[in-house]
Protein backbone atom coordinates (compact mmCIF):
# COMPACT_ATOMS: atom_id res chain seq x y z
CA MET A 1 9.75 5.34 13.05
CA LEU A 2 6.09 6.19 12.73
CA ALA A 3 5.19 9.85 12.40
CA PRO A 4 2.08 11.32 14.04
CA PHE A 5 -1.12 10.37 12.24
CA VAL A 6 -2.23 12.75 9.50
CA LEU A 7 -5.99 12.14 9.32
CA ASN A 8 -8.48 13.32 11.94
CA SER A 9 -11.92 14.93 12.18
CA GLU A 10 -10.57 18.10 10.53
CA MET A 11 -8.54 16.38 7.78
CA LEU A 12 -10.48 13.44 6.36
CA THR A 13 -8.45 12.52 3.27
CA ALA A 14 -4.80 12.03 2.34
CA ARG A 15 -2.96 11.32 -0.89
CA VAL A 16 -0.32 8.62 -0.86
CA ALA A 17 1.60 10.48 -3.59
CA GLU A 18 1.89 13.53 -1.31
CA ILE A 19 3.01 11.44 1.65
CA LYS A 20 5.56 9.73 -0.60
CA GLU A 21 6.88 13.08 -1.84
CA ARG A 22 7.17 14.45 1.72
CA LYS A 23 8.80 11.32 3.19
CA GLY A 24 11.21 10.64 0.31
CA PRO A 25 12.83 7.37 -0.69
CA PRO A 26 12.24 4.14 1.22
CA PRO A 27 12.34 2.72 3.78
CA TRP A 28 9.74 4.53 5.86
CA ALA A 29 6.39 4.04 7.53
CA GLU A 30 3.72 6.62 8.35
CA ARG A 31 0.65 6.00 10.46
CA ILE A 32 -2.09 8.00 8.74
CA VAL A 33 -5.03 7.02 10.96
CA SER A 34 -4.96 6.30 14.68
CA THR A 35 -8.25 5.75 16.50
CA ASP A 36 -9.34 3.85 19.58
CA GLU A 37 -10.31 0.94 17.30
CA PHE A 38 -7.76 0.73 14.48
CA TYR A 39 -4.60 2.04 12.81
CA VAL A 40 -3.90 2.60 9.11
CA THR A 41 -0.22 2.69 8.18
CA VAL A 42 1.50 3.36 4.85
CA ILE A 43 4.78 1.46 4.47
CA TYR A 44 7.29 2.09 1.69
CA GLN A 45 9.93 -0.63 1.50
CA ALA A 46 12.87 -0.96 -0.89
CA PRO A 47 14.04 -4.25 -2.39
CA GLY A 48 16.37 -5.95 0.07
CA HIS A 49 15.03 -4.04 3.09
CA GLU A 50 14.51 -6.87 5.55
CA ASN A 51 11.29 -7.43 7.48
CA ASP A 52 11.07 -9.52 10.64
CA TYR A 53 9.19 -12.75 11.34
CA HIS A 54 6.38 -11.84 13.74
CA TYR A 55 2.75 -12.40 14.63
CA HIS A 56 -0.15 -10.43 16.06
CA GLU A 57 -2.93 -11.22 18.52
CA HIS A 58 -5.42 -9.56 16.14
CA ASP A 59 -6.06 -10.01 12.42
CA GLU A 60 -4.62 -7.49 9.99
CA ALA A 61 -5.15 -6.67 6.32
CA TRP A 62 -3.03 -4.99 3.67
CA VAL A 63 -3.70 -3.27 0.35
CA ILE A 64 -0.78 -3.31 -2.09
CA LEU A 65 -0.41 0.01 -3.96
CA GLU A 66 2.94 -0.38 -5.74
CA GLY A 67 5.43 -3.12 -6.44
CA GLU A 68 5.45 -6.83 -5.76
CA LEU A 69 5.83 -8.61 -2.44
CA ALA A 70 5.84 -12.08 -0.95
CA TRP A 71 4.06 -12.91 2.31
CA HIS A 72 5.64 -15.91 4.03
CA TYR A 73 3.31 -17.63 6.52
CA GLU A 74 4.35 -20.28 9.02
CA HIS A 75 1.81 -22.80 7.71
CA ALA A 76 2.45 -22.30 3.97
CA PRO A 77 5.34 -24.05 2.20
CA GLU A 78 5.40 -21.41 -0.56
CA PRO A 79 5.15 -17.62 -0.20
CA HIS A 80 2.01 -15.81 -1.34
CA ARG A 81 3.08 -13.48 -4.16
CA VAL A 82 1.12 -10.24 -4.45
CA LYS A 83 1.31 -7.07 -6.52
CA ALA A 84 -0.29 -3.64 -6.83
CA GLY A 85 -4.05 -3.92 -6.58
CA ASP A 86 -4.03 -7.05 -4.39
CA ILE A 87 -5.36 -7.37 -0.83
CA VAL A 88 -3.61 -9.51 1.79
CA TYR A 89 -4.99 -10.99 4.99
CA ALA A 90 -2.72 -11.94 7.90
CA PRO A 91 -4.63 -14.03 10.44
CA LYS A 92 -3.97 -13.53 14.12
CA ASN A 93 -1.49 -15.83 15.89
CA LEU A 94 0.16 -16.89 12.61
CA TRP A 95 3.70 -15.60 12.09
CA HIS A 96 4.48 -13.94 8.80
CA HIS A 97 7.36 -12.25 7.03
CA ILE A 98 7.07 -9.73 4.18
CA GLU A 99 9.63 -9.48 1.37
CA VAL A 100 9.81 -7.02 -1.56
CA LEU A 101 10.28 -8.85 -4.87
CA GLY A 102 12.06 -7.54 -7.95
CA ASP A 103 14.10 -4.38 -8.22
CA LYS A 104 11.44 -1.74 -7.44
CA PRO A 105 10.19 -0.50 -4.06
CA ALA A 106 6.74 -1.46 -2.80
CA ILE A 107 4.05 0.54 -0.99
CA ARG A 108 1.44 -1.17 1.13
CA ILE A 109 -1.27 0.09 3.45
CA GLY A 110 -1.89 -1.90 6.61
CA ILE A 111 -5.08 -1.92 8.67
CA THR A 112 -4.51 -3.20 12.20
CA ALA A 113 -6.21 -3.22 15.58
CA ALA A 114 -5.31 -0.26 17.78
CA GLY A 115 -2.46 -1.04 20.14
CA GLU A 116 -1.30 -4.08 18.17
CA TYR A 117 2.43 -4.56 17.60
CA HIS A 118 4.93 -7.13 16.34
CA ARG A 119 5.26 -10.10 18.70
CA TYR A 120 8.27 -12.47 18.79
CA ASP A 121 7.67 -14.91 21.65
CA ARG A 122 6.88 -17.96 19.49
CA PRO A 123 9.11 -20.41 17.61
CA GLY A 124 9.92 -19.13 14.13
CA CYS A 125 9.66 -15.45 15.08
CA LYS A 126 12.75 -13.23 14.97
CA ARG A 127 13.46 -9.53 15.00
CA VAL A 128 15.52 -7.87 12.30
CA GLU A 129 18.79 -6.60 13.67
CA GLN A 130 19.05 -2.87 13.12
CA LYS A 131 22.08 -1.75 11.10
CA GLY A 132 23.94 1.44 11.73
């Protein structure tokens, strides 16, 4: 569940380490910027925490802060492996799936168009079934 955004005209900076300390162990997501134009979301995901196969009607980009991940794209036979310090681009209308690699959690920051969400109405897309 996304918490209310933390940055606004009165609070212009945030520290990922402080958000991480406040939120605790993964999995969690926190939207830290929400404007009329775009969202910025910090996602902390543990190894084995499943992500769905989805697409968006707008492009999105990611900055990897910690850990290693694989981005699976519908048009690519092999996943794109990324690690801390890398930047990832997810083109609109192309389904993708994100997987944490190794035995350590991963933190990524996503930049998306305001109002955009996961879409599943195309072949290859599937939601993750919630457990518990």
